Amino acid sequence: MLLKGLNILLFLGGLLLAFVLAEVAVRMFVPVRMVGSSFTIYDPIYGKRLKRNYTTTRITPEFTISFSTNSYAFRGPEGFPDRPILFLGDSFTMGYGVSDGEEFPALVRAALAEHDPVIPVVNTGMGANGNGRWIKFLRAEGEAYEPRAVVLQLMSNDFQDNKNERLFELTPNQKLIELPVPSIRPIRVLQNVVDSIPGLADSHLLGLIYQIYLTQGPQNSSLLSNSDAIDSLSDHSDQLTYRILDEVIAICSAAGWPMLAIVVGIHGERLTEIERRLKDNDIPMLRTPDRQVRPDLYYVTDGHWNQFGHALVAEAVLAELRILGIP
């Protein structure tokens, strides 16, 4: 019995030593983008949301940022605002890559704070999600905010995200239907366990494993080698995204909320389709410079906007808001 217990201790000690050695090796030789506790938690209504009253420091090879949320699970000041400008988007709107107050909605907020009366801003941006959440949010909470304008930030990866999230689906006759929110996934349960153990989320080794999972995991296994299958999947995700955008526009138009669209990294037929929908509804569109054109606005490896990128977008948004008569 004593020998068995000793063997178990030796085995556990060996695992711990292997983990430590692997952790040291990764920190020395492998740049890891995703180190730190998750910004989000599972949500039965939206699928996921940012953590409430959350504060952390995220350290990556290219930047170190301070990140915090308020009690409404948004990045921004506390309190329920009166007729804000509502920003909807992904990690670019959330401001991944810059510290609190440097994300472009916060820069817009700072500029509008000089207006009398102050025009508030609500940044609902959240990383790694598509556009279906916008419909659910506008239907459930939009009327309470009564926004004076809604800013929609569209991204090239929205098309695949909308398909993977399965918040909405198209019927054979192209009708958009809302699906039940998927139950919490095992990877999220594991992530919650990691986040609950002090210091474990800061492991570069675990960050590398999660990074590999996101790029090569089962959520990407549907991309078959058959080109016809790929084209079919792409066409489906495209049509789904267009219908989601149509519904978002319909909700805002019916409520009388002016809109502004920011397009990031979308080209070709997808851009043409989005431009047509926006033009048909008199919605102004901002196209941000691609990384190939303005590399100074982006992080080299991470790919998000740096401080200069957010400052440029903020100025462009303010100019468009003035055209809309805000302020």
Foldseek 3Di string as FASTA:
>chain_A
DVVVVVVVVVVVVVVVVVLVVVLVVCVVPNFFAFFDADQWAQDQQLRIAGDAQDWDWDDGPFDIETFGHHRVRFQDDDDQDAQAAEEEEECLLSPPAYYRCLRLQSVLQVVQVPDVVRHHYTRRYYHQAALLSLLSCCVPPVVVRNHQAYEYEHEPCNLLRCVLQQQWAADPVRDIDGDRGDDDDPVSVVSVVQNVDPPSSRRSVVSVVVVCCVVPNPSPVQCDPDVVSNVVSSVRSLSNRLVSVVSSLVSCVVSVHAYEYEYEPDDDPSVVSVVVVCVVSVHHYHYQDHCVVPVVQADPPVGHGHSVVSVVVSVVVVVVCVVVVND
